[in-house]
Amino acid sequence: MDFAIGDIVQMKKKHPCGSVQWEILRTGIDFRIKCCGCGHMVMLPRVKFEKNVKKILPKEE
């Protein structure tokens, strides 16, 4: 999968706020993602991020 900054991804597990959608803020060896429900930011290693992504959601324009 190719990831770009600004993409919205659906993760396999829910965040405690109930949202499964996350926005990508930074890519590279580590990914910084922000919960679309509550705005909480998390930094994950690339391997763990790619393993937990279910799909990339289409962009709404």
N, C-alpha and C. Protein backbone atom coordinates (compact mmCIF):
# COMPACT_ATOMS: atom_id res chain seq x y z
N MET A 1 0.83 -1.19 0.00
CA MET A 1 0.00 0.00 0.00
C MET A 1 0.88 1.26 0.00
N ASP A 2 0.41 2.26 -0.69
CA ASP A 2 1.08 3.55 -0.68
C ASP A 2 0.29 4.51 0.19
N PHE A 3 0.98 5.12 1.13
CA PHE A 3 0.33 6.06 2.04
C PHE A 3 0.86 7.46 1.78
N ALA A 4 -0.02 8.45 1.88
CA ALA A 4 0.38 9.84 1.70
C ALA A 4 -0.17 10.66 2.87
N ILE A 5 0.49 11.76 3.13
CA ILE A 5 0.04 12.66 4.20
C ILE A 5 -1.35 13.17 3.83
N GLY A 6 -2.26 13.14 4.77
CA GLY A 6 -3.63 13.60 4.55
C GLY A 6 -4.60 12.47 4.25
N ASP A 7 -4.10 11.26 3.98
CA ASP A 7 -4.99 10.12 3.74
C ASP A 7 -5.73 9.75 5.02
N ILE A 8 -6.96 9.27 4.86
CA ILE A 8 -7.73 8.75 5.98
C ILE A 8 -7.72 7.23 5.86
N VAL A 9 -7.30 6.55 6.95
CA VAL A 9 -7.24 5.10 6.93
C VAL A 9 -8.18 4.53 7.98
N GLN A 10 -8.64 3.31 7.73
CA GLN A 10 -9.47 2.59 8.69
C GLN A 10 -8.59 1.54 9.34
N MET A 11 -8.53 1.56 10.67
CA MET A 11 -7.71 0.60 11.41
C MET A 11 -8.56 -0.61 11.80
N LYS A 12 -7.89 -1.71 12.15
CA LYS A 12 -8.61 -2.93 12.53
C LYS A 12 -9.30 -2.80 13.88
N LYS A 13 -8.67 -2.10 14.82
CA LYS A 13 -9.25 -1.95 16.16
C LYS A 13 -9.78 -0.54 16.37
N LYS A 14 -10.82 -0.42 17.18
CA LYS A 14 -11.39 0.89 17.51
C LYS A 14 -10.53 1.62 18.53
N HIS A 15 -10.52 2.93 18.42
CA HIS A 15 -9.92 3.78 19.44
C HIS A 15 -10.91 3.81 20.61
N PRO A 16 -10.47 4.05 21.83
CA PRO A 16 -11.40 4.09 22.96
C PRO A 16 -12.56 5.08 22.78
N CYS A 17 -12.40 6.10 21.93
CA CYS A 17 -13.49 7.05 21.69
C CYS A 17 -14.54 6.46 20.75
N GLY A 18 -14.24 5.32 20.12
CA GLY A 18 -15.21 4.65 19.25
C GLY A 18 -14.93 4.80 17.76
N SER A 19 -13.98 5.63 17.39
CA SER A 19 -13.67 5.87 15.98
C SER A 19 -12.66 4.85 15.47
N VAL A 20 -12.78 4.47 14.19
CA VAL A 20 -11.79 3.59 13.55
C VAL A 20 -11.06 4.34 12.44
N GLN A 21 -11.39 5.62 12.23
CA GLN A 21 -10.78 6.40 11.17
C GLN A 21 -9.66 7.28 11.72
N TRP A 22 -8.52 7.27 11.01
CA TRP A 22 -7.34 8.03 11.42
C TRP A 22 -6.80 8.79 10.22
N GLU A 23 -6.29 10.00 10.45
CA GLU A 23 -5.66 10.80 9.41
C GLU A 23 -4.15 10.67 9.54
N ILE A 24 -3.45 10.47 8.43
CA ILE A 24 -1.99 10.37 8.45
C ILE A 24 -1.39 11.76 8.44
N LEU A 25 -0.55 12.06 9.44
CA LEU A 25 0.11 13.36 9.54
C LEU A 25 1.58 13.30 9.15
N ARG A 26 2.22 12.14 9.28
CA ARG A 26 3.65 12.00 8.98
C ARG A 26 3.90 10.58 8.51
N THR A 27 4.76 10.45 7.49
CA THR A 27 5.14 9.12 7.01
C THR A 27 6.66 8.99 7.07
N GLY A 28 7.13 7.78 6.91
CA GLY A 28 8.56 7.49 6.97
C GLY A 28 8.76 6.20 7.71
N ILE A 29 9.82 6.12 8.50
CA ILE A 29 10.05 4.94 9.33
C ILE A 29 8.97 4.86 10.40
N ASP A 30 8.55 6.03 10.91
CA ASP A 30 7.46 6.12 11.88
C ASP A 30 6.29 6.85 11.24
N PHE A 31 5.09 6.50 11.66
CA PHE A 31 3.89 7.19 11.19
C PHE A 31 3.27 7.95 12.36
N ARG A 32 2.87 9.19 12.13
CA ARG A 32 2.10 9.93 13.12
C ARG A 32 0.68 10.01 12.57
N ILE A 33 -0.27 9.54 13.37
CA ILE A 33 -1.67 9.54 12.94
C ILE A 33 -2.53 10.25 13.98
N LYS A 34 -3.66 10.82 13.50
CA LYS A 34 -4.56 11.55 14.38
C LYS A 34 -5.95 10.94 14.27
N CYS A 35 -6.55 10.66 15.42
CA CYS A 35 -7.90 10.10 15.46
C CYS A 35 -8.89 11.12 14.91
N CYS A 36 -9.76 10.68 14.00
CA CYS A 36 -10.76 11.58 13.42
C CYS A 36 -11.93 11.80 14.38
N GLY A 37 -12.01 11.01 15.45
CA GLY A 37 -13.09 11.17 16.41
C GLY A 37 -12.77 12.20 17.48
N CYS A 38 -11.62 12.03 18.15
CA CYS A 38 -11.30 12.89 19.30
C CYS A 38 -10.07 13.76 19.10
N GLY A 39 -9.29 13.51 18.03
CA GLY A 39 -8.11 14.32 17.76
C GLY A 39 -6.84 13.86 18.45
N HIS A 40 -6.87 12.71 19.13
CA HIS A 40 -5.69 12.18 19.80
C HIS A 40 -4.64 11.78 18.76
N MET A 41 -3.37 12.13 19.01
CA MET A 41 -2.30 11.80 18.07
C MET A 41 -1.43 10.68 18.63
N VAL A 42 -1.04 9.76 17.73
CA VAL A 42 -0.24 8.59 18.11
C VAL A 42 0.90 8.45 17.10
N MET A 43 2.06 8.01 17.58
CA MET A 43 3.19 7.73 16.69
C MET A 43 3.44 6.22 16.71
N LEU A 44 3.48 5.60 15.53
CA LEU A 44 3.65 4.15 15.42
C LEU A 44 4.80 3.82 14.46
N PRO A 45 5.53 2.75 14.73
CA PRO A 45 6.51 2.28 13.75
C PRO A 45 5.80 1.80 12.49
N ARG A 46 6.47 1.91 11.35
CA ARG A 46 5.87 1.55 10.06
C ARG A 46 5.32 0.12 10.04
N VAL A 47 6.07 -0.83 10.59
CA VAL A 47 5.66 -2.24 10.56
C VAL A 47 4.33 -2.43 11.30
N LYS A 48 4.20 -1.85 12.48
CA LYS A 48 2.97 -1.98 13.26
C LYS A 48 1.81 -1.26 12.58
N PHE A 49 2.09 -0.08 12.01
CA PHE A 49 1.04 0.67 11.32
C PHE A 49 0.50 -0.11 10.13
N GLU A 50 1.39 -0.62 9.27
CA GLU A 50 0.95 -1.36 8.09
C GLU A 50 0.19 -2.63 8.45
N LYS A 51 0.56 -3.26 9.56
CA LYS A 51 -0.13 -4.47 10.01
C LYS A 51 -1.55 -4.17 10.49
N ASN A 52 -1.76 -2.99 11.09
CA ASN A 52 -3.05 -2.65 11.69
C ASN A 52 -4.00 -1.90 10.76
N VAL A 53 -3.55 -1.50 9.57
CA VAL A 53 -4.43 -0.79 8.64
C VAL A 53 -5.33 -1.79 7.92
N LYS A 54 -6.62 -1.49 7.93
CA LYS A 54 -7.57 -2.34 7.22
C LYS A 54 -7.72 -1.88 5.77
N LYS A 55 -7.93 -0.56 5.58
CA LYS A 55 -8.04 -0.03 4.22
C LYS A 55 -7.87 1.49 4.22
N ILE A 56 -7.56 2.02 3.05
CA ILE A 56 -7.50 3.46 2.85
C ILE A 56 -8.87 3.91 2.37
N LEU A 57 -9.44 4.89 3.02
CA LEU A 57 -10.78 5.37 2.66
C LEU A 57 -10.67 6.40 1.55
N PRO A 58 -11.67 6.44 0.63
CA PRO A 58 -11.63 7.42 -0.45
C PRO A 58 -11.75 8.84 0.11
N LYS A 59 -11.06 9.77 -0.55
CA LYS A 59 -11.08 11.16 -0.10
C LYS A 59 -12.41 11.81 -0.49
N GLU A 60 -12.98 12.56 0.42
CA GLU A 60 -14.23 13.28 0.15
C GLU A 60 -13.88 14.71 -0.23
N GLU A 61 -14.37 15.13 -1.40
CA GLU A 61 -14.07 16.49 -1.86
C GLU A 61 -15.34 17.26 -2.15
